[in-house]
Amino acid sequence: QEYDPVAGRLIGPYKNIFNGTSRGITEGPHIYK
């Protein structure tokens, strides 16, 4: 979800973008470009 640093809150749509693999317990996400 997008974060608005001025308002100090989450804004806009919210989506599950990755369900992980069969190994499960998917956590610790980091995004890079």
Full PDB file with SEQRES, HELIX, SHEET, SSBOND, CRYST1, ORIGX, SCALE, CONECT and MASTER records, all heavy atoms in Angstrom:
SEQRES   1 A   33  GLN GLU TYR ASP PRO VAL ALA GLY ARG LEU ILE GLY PRO          
SEQRES   2 A   33  TYR LYS ASN ILE PHE ASN GLY THR SER ARG GLY ILE THR          
SEQRES   3 A   33  GLU GLY PRO HIS ILE TYR LYS                                  
CRYST1    1.000    1.000    1.000  90.00  90.00  90.00 P 1           1          
ORIGX1      1.000000  0.000000  0.000000        0.00000                         
ORIGX2      0.000000  1.000000  0.000000        0.00000                         
ORIGX3      0.000000  0.000000  1.000000        0.00000                         
SCALE1      1.000000  0.000000  0.000000        0.00000                         
SCALE2      0.000000  1.000000  0.000000        0.00000                         
SCALE3      0.000000  0.000000  1.000000        0.00000                         
ATOM      1  N   GLN A   1       0.851  -1.175   0.000  1.00  0.00           N  
ATOM      2  CA  GLN A   1       0.000   0.000   0.000  1.00  0.00           C  
ATOM      3  C   GLN A   1       0.895   1.235   0.000  1.00  0.00           C  
ATOM      4  O   GLN A   1       2.006   1.213   0.552  1.00  0.00           O  
ATOM      5  CB  GLN A   1      -0.931   0.019   1.213  1.00  0.00           C  
ATOM      6  CG  GLN A   1      -2.077   1.008   1.106  1.00  0.00           C  
ATOM      7  CD  GLN A   1      -3.125   0.805   2.187  1.00  0.00           C  
ATOM      8  OE1 GLN A   1      -2.964  -0.019   3.089  1.00  0.00           O  
ATOM      9  NE2 GLN A   1      -4.219   1.557   2.108  1.00  0.00           N  
ATOM     10  N   GLU A   2       0.435   2.318  -0.617  1.00  0.00           N  
ATOM     11  CA  GLU A   2       1.221   3.540  -0.642  1.00  0.00           C  
ATOM     12  C   GLU A   2       1.189   4.228   0.713  1.00  0.00           C  
ATOM     13  O   GLU A   2       0.166   4.222   1.422  1.00  0.00           O  
ATOM     14  CB  GLU A   2       0.703   4.495  -1.714  1.00  0.00           C  
ATOM     15  CG  GLU A   2       1.600   5.716  -1.898  1.00  0.00           C  
ATOM     16  CD  GLU A   2       1.191   6.616  -3.046  1.00  0.00           C  
ATOM     17  OE1 GLU A   2       0.201   6.274  -3.744  1.00  0.00           O  
ATOM     18  OE2 GLU A   2       1.850   7.659  -3.247  1.00  0.00           O  
ATOM     19  N   TYR A   3       2.327   4.835   1.090  1.00  0.00           N  
ATOM     20  CA  TYR A   3       2.426   5.583   2.343  1.00  0.00           C  
ATOM     21  C   TYR A   3       2.593   7.063   2.030  1.00  0.00           C  
ATOM     22  O   TYR A   3       3.458   7.453   1.224  1.00  0.00           O  
ATOM     23  CB  TYR A   3       3.613   5.093   3.173  1.00  0.00           C  
ATOM     24  CG  TYR A   3       3.794   5.857   4.461  1.00  0.00           C  
ATOM     25  CD1 TYR A   3       2.923   5.648   5.533  1.00  0.00           C  
ATOM     26  CD2 TYR A   3       4.811   6.786   4.608  1.00  0.00           C  
ATOM     27  CE1 TYR A   3       3.069   6.347   6.717  1.00  0.00           C  
ATOM     28  CE2 TYR A   3       4.971   7.497   5.788  1.00  0.00           C  
ATOM     29  CZ  TYR A   3       4.092   7.275   6.843  1.00  0.00           C  
ATOM     30  OH  TYR A   3       4.247   7.978   8.021  1.00  0.00           O  
ATOM     31  N   ASP A   4       1.752   7.887   2.653  1.00  0.00           N  
ATOM     32  CA  ASP A   4       1.820   9.340   2.501  1.00  0.00           C  
ATOM     33  C   ASP A   4       2.602   9.907   3.677  1.00  0.00           C  
ATOM     34  O   ASP A   4       2.097   9.932   4.806  1.00  0.00           O  
ATOM     35  CB  ASP A   4       0.410   9.925   2.476  1.00  0.00           C  
ATOM     36  CG  ASP A   4       0.401  11.436   2.248  1.00  0.00           C  
ATOM     37  OD1 ASP A   4       1.438  12.091   2.495  1.00  0.00           O  
ATOM     38  OD2 ASP A   4      -0.652  11.966   1.849  1.00  0.00           O  
ATOM     39  N   PRO A   5       3.842  10.379   3.447  1.00  0.00           N  
ATOM     40  CA  PRO A   5       4.652  10.846   4.574  1.00  0.00           C  
ATOM     41  C   PRO A   5       4.155  12.152   5.176  1.00  0.00           C  
ATOM     42  O   PRO A   5       4.464  12.453   6.332  1.00  0.00           O  
ATOM     43  CB  PRO A   5       6.046  11.016   3.951  1.00  0.00           C  
ATOM     44  CG  PRO A   5       5.794  11.245   2.500  1.00  0.00           C  
ATOM     45  CD  PRO A   5       4.572  10.455   2.171  1.00  0.00           C  
ATOM     46  N   VAL A   6       3.405  12.938   4.418  1.00  0.00           N  
ATOM     47  CA  VAL A   6       2.870  14.194   4.950  1.00  0.00           C  
ATOM     48  C   VAL A   6       1.692  13.911   5.879  1.00  0.00           C  
ATOM     49  O   VAL A   6       1.623  14.416   7.007  1.00  0.00           O  
ATOM     50  CB  VAL A   6       2.454  15.135   3.806  1.00  0.00           C  
ATOM     51  CG1 VAL A   6       1.823  16.407   4.366  1.00  0.00           C  
ATOM     52  CG2 VAL A   6       3.654  15.474   2.934  1.00  0.00           C  
ATOM     53  N   ALA A   7       0.783  13.072   5.416  1.00  0.00           N  
ATOM     54  CA  ALA A   7      -0.367  12.704   6.240  1.00  0.00           C  
ATOM     55  C   ALA A   7       0.008  11.713   7.330  1.00  0.00           C  
ATOM     56  O   ALA A   7      -0.706  11.578   8.326  1.00  0.00           O  
ATOM     57  CB  ALA A   7      -1.477  12.139   5.359  1.00  0.00           C  
ATOM     58  N   GLY A   8       1.116  10.996   7.133  1.00  0.00           N  
ATOM     59  CA  GLY A   8       1.536  10.000   8.105  1.00  0.00           C  
ATOM     60  C   GLY A   8       0.611   8.802   8.165  1.00  0.00           C  
ATOM     61  O   GLY A   8       0.344   8.265   9.245  1.00  0.00           O  
ATOM     62  N   ARG A   9       0.135   8.365   6.989  1.00  0.00           N  
ATOM     63  CA  ARG A   9      -0.759   7.206   6.964  1.00  0.00           C  
ATOM     64  C   ARG A   9      -0.725   6.551   5.587  1.00  0.00           C  
ATOM     65  O   ARG A   9      -0.223   7.111   4.611  1.00  0.00           O  
ATOM     66  CB  ARG A   9      -2.188   7.616   7.301  1.00  0.00           C  
ATOM     67  CG  ARG A   9      -2.814   8.582   6.312  1.00  0.00           C  
ATOM     68  CD  ARG A   9      -4.207   8.999   6.754  1.00  0.00           C  
ATOM     69  NE  ARG A   9      -4.822   9.933   5.821  1.00  0.00           N  
ATOM     70  CZ  ARG A   9      -5.531   9.561   4.755  1.00  0.00           C  
ATOM     71  NH1 ARG A   9      -5.707   8.263   4.478  1.00  0.00           N  
ATOM     72  NH2 ARG A   9      -6.069  10.462   3.959  1.00  0.00           N  
ATOM     73  N   LEU A  10      -1.283   5.348   5.534  1.00  0.00           N  
ATOM     74  CA  LEU A  10      -1.412   4.629   4.278  1.00  0.00           C  
ATOM     75  C   LEU A  10      -2.579   5.187   3.479  1.00  0.00           C  
ATOM     76  O   LEU A  10      -3.614   5.561   4.047  1.00  0.00           O  
ATOM     77  CB  LEU A  10      -1.623   3.142   4.543  1.00  0.00           C  
ATOM     78  CG  LEU A  10      -0.470   2.430   5.266  1.00  0.00           C  
ATOM     79  CD1 LEU A  10      -0.875   1.008   5.649  1.00  0.00           C  
ATOM     80  CD2 LEU A  10       0.778   2.403   4.395  1.00  0.00           C  
ATOM     81  N   ILE A  11      -2.416   5.220   2.157  1.00  0.00           N  
ATOM     82  CA  ILE A  11      -3.459   5.753   1.285  1.00  0.00           C  
ATOM     83  C   ILE A  11      -3.638   4.826   0.085  1.00  0.00           C  
ATOM     84  O   ILE A  11      -2.773   4.014  -0.231  1.00  0.00           O  
ATOM     85  CB  ILE A  11      -3.114   7.179   0.788  1.00  0.00           C  
ATOM     86  CG1 ILE A  11      -1.791   7.165   0.010  1.00  0.00           C  
ATOM     87  CG2 ILE A  11      -3.044   8.162   1.959  1.00  0.00           C  
ATOM     88  CD1 ILE A  11      -1.467   8.498  -0.681  1.00  0.00           C  
ATOM     89  N   GLY A  12      -4.761   4.979  -0.588  1.00  0.00           N  
ATOM     90  CA  GLY A  12      -4.979   4.269  -1.845  1.00  0.00           C  
ATOM     91  C   GLY A  12      -5.241   2.786  -1.660  1.00  0.00           C  
ATOM     92  O   GLY A  12      -5.452   2.288  -0.547  1.00  0.00           O  
ATOM     93  N   PRO A  13      -5.226   2.053  -2.789  1.00  0.00           N  
ATOM     94  CA  PRO A  13      -5.573   0.624  -2.752  1.00  0.00           C  
ATOM     95  C   PRO A  13      -4.547  -0.204  -1.993  1.00  0.00           C  
ATOM     96  O   PRO A  13      -3.391   0.181  -1.832  1.00  0.00           O  
ATOM     97  CB  PRO A  13      -5.614   0.229  -4.226  1.00  0.00           C  
ATOM     98  CG  PRO A  13      -4.758   1.245  -4.919  1.00  0.00           C  
ATOM     99  CD  PRO A  13      -4.931   2.512  -4.150  1.00  0.00           C  
ATOM    100  N   TYR A  14      -5.031  -1.348  -1.577  1.00  0.00           N  
ATOM    101  CA  TYR A  14      -4.263  -2.290  -0.754  1.00  0.00           C  
ATOM    102  C   TYR A  14      -4.348  -3.636  -1.459  1.00  0.00           C  
ATOM    103  O   TYR A  14      -5.430  -4.066  -1.858  1.00  0.00           O  
ATOM    104  CB  TYR A  14      -4.924  -2.308   0.619  1.00  0.00           C  
ATOM    105  CG  TYR A  14      -4.655  -3.465   1.534  1.00  0.00           C  
ATOM    106  CD1 TYR A  14      -3.699  -3.365   2.531  1.00  0.00           C  
ATOM    107  CD2 TYR A  14      -5.413  -4.634   1.474  1.00  0.00           C  
ATOM    108  CE1 TYR A  14      -3.493  -4.387   3.435  1.00  0.00           C  
ATOM    109  CE2 TYR A  14      -5.205  -5.672   2.362  1.00  0.00           C  
ATOM    110  CZ  TYR A  14      -4.252  -5.544   3.337  1.00  0.00           C  
ATOM    111  OH  TYR A  14      -4.048  -6.563   4.234  1.00  0.00           O  
ATOM    112  N   LYS A  15      -3.171  -4.291  -1.670  1.00  0.00           N  
ATOM    113  CA  LYS A  15      -3.208  -5.510  -2.469  1.00  0.00           C  
ATOM    114  C   LYS A  15      -2.200  -6.525  -1.960  1.00  0.00           C  
ATOM    115  O   LYS A  15      -1.079  -6.173  -1.579  1.00  0.00           O  
ATOM    116  CB  LYS A  15      -2.893  -5.197  -3.936  1.00  0.00           C  
ATOM    117  CG  LYS A  15      -2.968  -6.401  -4.872  1.00  0.00           C  
ATOM    118  CD  LYS A  15      -2.617  -6.035  -6.299  1.00  0.00           C  
ATOM    119  CE  LYS A  15      -2.661  -7.252  -7.219  1.00  0.00           C  
ATOM    120  NZ  LYS A  15      -2.273  -6.915  -8.612  1.00  0.00           N  
ATOM    121  N   ASN A  16      -2.614  -7.783  -2.005  1.00  0.00           N  
ATOM    122  CA  ASN A  16      -1.693  -8.892  -1.755  1.00  0.00           C  
ATOM    123  C   ASN A  16      -0.937  -9.139  -3.059  1.00  0.00           C  
ATOM    124  O   ASN A  16      -1.514  -9.565  -4.055  1.00  0.00           O  
ATOM    125  CB  ASN A  16      -2.469 -10.141  -1.341  1.00  0.00           C  
ATOM    126  CG  ASN A  16      -1.554 -11.262  -0.878  1.00  0.00           C  
ATOM    127  OD1 ASN A  16      -0.430 -11.403  -1.350  1.00  0.00           O  
ATOM    128  ND2 ASN A  16      -2.042 -12.075   0.043  1.00  0.00           N  
ATOM    129  N   ILE A  17       0.378  -8.850  -3.032  1.00  0.00           N  
ATOM    130  CA  ILE A  17       1.146  -8.902  -4.286  1.00  0.00           C  
ATOM    131  C   ILE A  17       1.946 -10.193  -4.451  1.00  0.00           C  
ATOM    132  O   ILE A  17       2.466 -10.456  -5.537  1.00  0.00           O  
ATOM    133  CB  ILE A  17       2.105  -7.703  -4.397  1.00  0.00           C  
ATOM    134  CG1 ILE A  17       3.105  -7.675  -3.238  1.00  0.00           C  
ATOM    135  CG2 ILE A  17       1.324  -6.394  -4.488  1.00  0.00           C  
ATOM    136  CD1 ILE A  17       4.219  -6.651  -3.407  1.00  0.00           C  
ATOM    137  N   PHE A  18       2.046 -11.015  -3.384  1.00  0.00           N  
ATOM    138  CA  PHE A  18       2.876 -12.211  -3.497  1.00  0.00           C  
ATOM    139  C   PHE A  18       2.456 -13.202  -2.424  1.00  0.00           C  
ATOM    140  O   PHE A  18       2.468 -12.883  -1.235  1.00  0.00           O  
ATOM    141  CB  PHE A  18       4.354 -11.836  -3.320  1.00  0.00           C  
ATOM    142  CG  PHE A  18       5.317 -12.974  -3.537  1.00  0.00           C  
ATOM    143  CD1 PHE A  18       5.441 -13.589  -4.774  1.00  0.00           C  
ATOM    144  CD2 PHE A  18       6.133 -13.418  -2.497  1.00  0.00           C  
ATOM    145  CE1 PHE A  18       6.342 -14.631  -4.973  1.00  0.00           C  
ATOM    146  CE2 PHE A  18       7.034 -14.444  -2.682  1.00  0.00           C  
ATOM    147  CZ  PHE A  18       7.144 -15.062  -3.931  1.00  0.00           C  
ATOM    148  N   ASN A  19       2.082 -14.397  -2.877  1.00  0.00           N  
ATOM    149  CA  ASN A  19       1.642 -15.430  -1.936  1.00  0.00           C  
ATOM    150  C   ASN A  19       2.766 -16.355  -1.493  1.00  0.00           C  
ATOM    151  O   ASN A  19       2.555 -17.213  -0.634  1.00  0.00           O  
ATOM    152  CB  ASN A  19       0.511 -16.261  -2.552  1.00  0.00           C  
ATOM    153  CG  ASN A  19      -0.789 -15.488  -2.591  1.00  0.00           C  
ATOM    154  OD1 ASN A  19      -1.168 -14.851  -1.607  1.00  0.00           O  
ATOM    155  ND2 ASN A  19      -1.472 -15.522  -3.728  1.00  0.00           N  
ATOM    156  N   GLY A  20       3.952 -16.208  -2.088  1.00  0.00           N  
ATOM    157  CA  GLY A  20       5.053 -17.063  -1.697  1.00  0.00           C  
ATOM    158  C   GLY A  20       5.022 -18.406  -2.381  1.00  0.00           C  
ATOM    159  O   GLY A  20       4.229 -18.662  -3.294  1.00  0.00           O  
ATOM    160  N   THR A  21       5.904 -19.297  -1.938  1.00  0.00           N  
ATOM    161  CA  THR A  21       6.030 -20.632  -2.523  1.00  0.00           C  
ATOM    162  C   THR A  21       5.461 -21.672  -1.565  1.00  0.00           C  
ATOM    163  O   THR A  21       4.953 -21.351  -0.494  1.00  0.00           O  
ATOM    164  CB  THR A  21       7.513 -20.948  -2.799  1.00  0.00           C  
ATOM    165  OG1 THR A  21       8.183 -21.198  -1.547  1.00  0.00           O  
ATOM    166  CG2 THR A  21       8.198 -19.795  -3.510  1.00  0.00           C  
ATOM    167  N   SER A  22       5.595 -22.912  -1.960  1.00  0.00           N  
ATOM    168  CA  SER A  22       5.081 -24.003  -1.125  1.00  0.00           C  
ATOM    169  C   SER A  22       5.819 -24.126   0.195  1.00  0.00           C  
ATOM    170  O   SER A  22       5.342 -24.788   1.116  1.00  0.00           O  
ATOM    171  CB  SER A  22       5.179 -25.332  -1.893  1.00  0.00           C  
ATOM    172  OG  SER A  22       6.536 -25.597  -2.250  1.00  0.00           O  
ATOM    173  N   ARG A  23       6.982 -23.492   0.312  1.00  0.00           N  
ATOM    174  CA  ARG A  23       7.713 -23.544   1.575  1.00  0.00           C  
ATOM    175  C   ARG A  23       6.965 -22.820   2.681  1.00  0.00           C  
ATOM    176  O   ARG A  23       7.083 -23.150   3.853  1.00  0.00           O  
ATOM    177  CB  ARG A  23       9.119 -22.981   1.393  1.00  0.00           C  
ATOM    178  CG  ARG A  23      10.025 -23.218   2.575  1.00  0.00           C  
ATOM    179  CD  ARG A  23      11.484 -23.033   2.231  1.00  0.00           C  
ATOM    180  NE  ARG A  23      11.996 -24.071   1.351  1.00  0.00           N  
ATOM    181  CZ  ARG A  23      13.282 -24.356   1.180  1.00  0.00           C  
ATOM    182  NH1 ARG A  23      14.199 -23.688   1.860  1.00  0.00           N  
ATOM    183  NH2 ARG A  23      13.664 -25.303   0.345  1.00  0.00           N  
ATOM    184  N   GLY A  24       6.187 -21.806   2.317  1.00  0.00           N  
ATOM    185  CA  GLY A  24       5.306 -21.142   3.264  1.00  0.00           C  
ATOM    186  C   GLY A  24       6.013 -20.182   4.205  1.00  0.00           C  
ATOM    187  O   GLY A  24       7.210 -19.947   4.120  1.00  0.00           O  
ATOM    188  N   ILE A  25       5.218 -19.619   5.124  1.00  0.00           N  
ATOM    189  CA  ILE A  25       5.670 -18.632   6.114  1.00  0.00           C  
ATOM    190  C   ILE A  25       6.437 -17.519   5.391  1.00  0.00           C  
ATOM    191  O   ILE A  25       7.586 -17.210   5.690  1.00  0.00           O  
ATOM    192  CB  ILE A  25       6.501 -19.269   7.245  1.00  0.00           C  
ATOM    193  CG1 ILE A  25       5.823 -20.544   7.756  1.00  0.00           C  
ATOM    194  CG2 ILE A  25       6.700 -18.283   8.399  1.00  0.00           C  
ATOM    195  CD1 ILE A  25       6.539 -21.204   8.914  1.00  0.00           C  
ATOM    196  N   THR A  26       5.767 -16.917   4.418  1.00  0.00           N  
ATOM    197  CA  THR A  26       6.373 -15.859   3.607  1.00  0.00           C  
ATOM    198  C   THR A  26       6.363 -14.555   4.394  1.00  0.00           C  
ATOM    199  O   THR A  26       5.307 -14.084   4.820  1.00  0.00           O  
ATOM    200  CB  THR A  26       5.605 -15.700   2.288  1.00  0.00           C  
ATOM    201  OG1 THR A  26       5.534 -16.979   1.636  1.00  0.00           O  
ATOM    202  CG2 THR A  26       6.290 -14.705   1.382  1.00  0.00           C  
ATOM    203  N   GLU A  27       7.543 -13.952   4.576  1.00  0.00           N  
ATOM    204  CA  GLU A  27       7.675 -12.784   5.444  1.00  0.00           C  
ATOM    205  C   GLU A  27       8.921 -12.000   5.019  1.00  0.00           C  
ATOM    206  O   GLU A  27       9.522 -12.270   3.987  1.00  0.00           O  
ATOM    207  CB  GLU A  27       7.800 -13.236   6.911  1.00  0.00           C  
ATOM    208  CG  GLU A  27       8.940 -14.213   7.144  1.00  0.00           C  
ATOM    209  CD  GLU A  27       8.939 -14.838   8.523  1.00  0.00           C  
ATOM    210  OE1 GLU A  27       8.200 -14.371   9.399  1.00  0.00           O  
ATOM    211  OE2 GLU A  27       9.702 -15.793   8.735  1.00  0.00           O  
ATOM    212  N   GLY A  28       9.298 -11.001   5.820  1.00  0.00           N  
ATOM    213  CA  GLY A  28      10.536 -10.255   5.604  1.00  0.00           C  
ATOM    214  C   GLY A  28      10.684  -9.622   4.246  1.00  0.00           C  
ATOM    215  O   GLY A  28      11.746  -9.714   3.631  1.00  0.00           O  
ATOM    216  N   PRO A  29       9.657  -8.918   3.716  1.00  0.00           N  
ATOM    217  CA  PRO A  29       9.747  -8.408   2.341  1.00  0.00           C  
ATOM    218  C   PRO A  29      10.622  -7.162   2.219  1.00  0.00           C  
ATOM    219  O   PRO A  29      10.634  -6.291   3.087  1.00  0.00           O  
ATOM    220  CB  PRO A  29       8.291  -8.066   2.010  1.00  0.00           C  
ATOM    221  CG  PRO A  29       7.708  -7.669   3.343  1.00  0.00           C  
ATOM    222  CD  PRO A  29       8.362  -8.589   4.350  1.00  0.00           C  
ATOM    223  N   HIS A  30      11.356  -7.088   1.112  1.00  0.00           N  
ATOM    224  CA  HIS A  30      12.065  -5.875   0.699  1.00  0.00           C  
ATOM    225  C   HIS A  30      11.883  -5.725  -0.802  1.00  0.00           C  
ATOM    226  O   HIS A  30      11.992  -6.705  -1.552  1.00  0.00           O  
ATOM    227  CB  HIS A  30      13.558  -5.957   1.009  1.00  0.00           C  
ATOM    228  CG  HIS A  30      13.881  -5.985   2.467  1.00  0.00           C  
ATOM    229  ND1 HIS A  30      13.784  -4.876   3.275  1.00  0.00           N  
ATOM    230  CD2 HIS A  30      14.297  -7.004   3.260  1.00  0.00           C  
ATOM    231  CE1 HIS A  30      14.133  -5.197   4.513  1.00  0.00           C  
ATOM    232  NE2 HIS A  30      14.448  -6.483   4.529  1.00  0.00           N  
ATOM    233  N   ILE A  31      11.619  -4.478  -1.253  1.00  0.00           N  
ATOM    234  CA  ILE A  31      11.460  -4.190  -2.676  1.00  0.00           C  
ATOM    235  C   ILE A  31      12.656  -3.369  -3.161  1.00  0.00           C  
ATOM    236  O   ILE A  31      13.137  -2.468  -2.461  1.00  0.00           O  
ATOM    237  CB  ILE A  31      10.149  -3.426  -2.951  1.00  0.00           C  
ATOM    238  CG1 ILE A  31       8.937  -4.336  -2.664  1.00  0.00           C  
ATOM    239  CG2 ILE A  31      10.083  -2.929  -4.392  1.00  0.00           C  
ATOM    240  CD1 ILE A  31       7.601  -3.643  -2.867  1.00  0.00           C  
ATOM    241  N   TYR A  32      13.134  -3.680  -4.380  1.00  0.00           N  
ATOM    242  CA  TYR A  32      14.229  -2.957  -5.042  1.00  0.00           C  
ATOM    243  C   TYR A  32      13.812  -2.682  -6.489  1.00  0.00           C  
ATOM    244  O   TYR A  32      12.956  -3.382  -7.037  1.00  0.00           O  
ATOM    245  CB  TYR A  32      15.522  -3.778  -5.039  1.00  0.00           C  
ATOM    246  CG  TYR A  32      15.812  -4.476  -3.733  1.00  0.00           C  
ATOM    247  CD1 TYR A  32      15.328  -5.757  -3.495  1.00  0.00           C  
ATOM    248  CD2 TYR A  32      16.539  -3.845  -2.732  1.00  0.00           C  
ATOM    249  CE1 TYR A  32      15.574  -6.403  -2.301  1.00  0.00           C  
ATOM    250  CE2 TYR A  32      16.788  -4.477  -1.527  1.00  0.00           C  
ATOM    251  CZ  TYR A  32      16.296  -5.758  -1.314  1.00  0.00           C  
ATOM    252  OH  TYR A  32      16.530  -6.393  -0.123  1.00  0.00           O  
ATOM    253  N   LYS A  33      14.460  -1.690  -7.110  1.00  0.00           N  
ATOM    254  CA  LYS A  33      14.164  -1.391  -8.508  1.00  0.00           C  
ATOM    255  C   LYS A  33      15.468  -1.367  -9.281  1.00  0.00           C  
ATOM    256  O   LYS A  33      16.449  -0.734  -8.861  1.00  0.00           O  
ATOM    257  CB  LYS A  33      13.457  -0.041  -8.621  1.00  0.00           C  
ATOM    258  CG  LYS A  33      12.829   0.216  -9.990  1.00  0.00           C  
ATOM    259  CD  LYS A  33      12.012   1.504  -9.955  1.00  0.00           C  
ATOM    260  CE  LYS A  33      11.270   1.725 -11.270  1.00  0.00           C  
ATOM    261  NZ  LYS A  33      10.472   2.987 -11.226  1.00  0.00           N  
TER     262      LYS A  33                                                      
MASTER        0    0    0    0    0    0    0    6  261    1    0    3          
END                                                                             
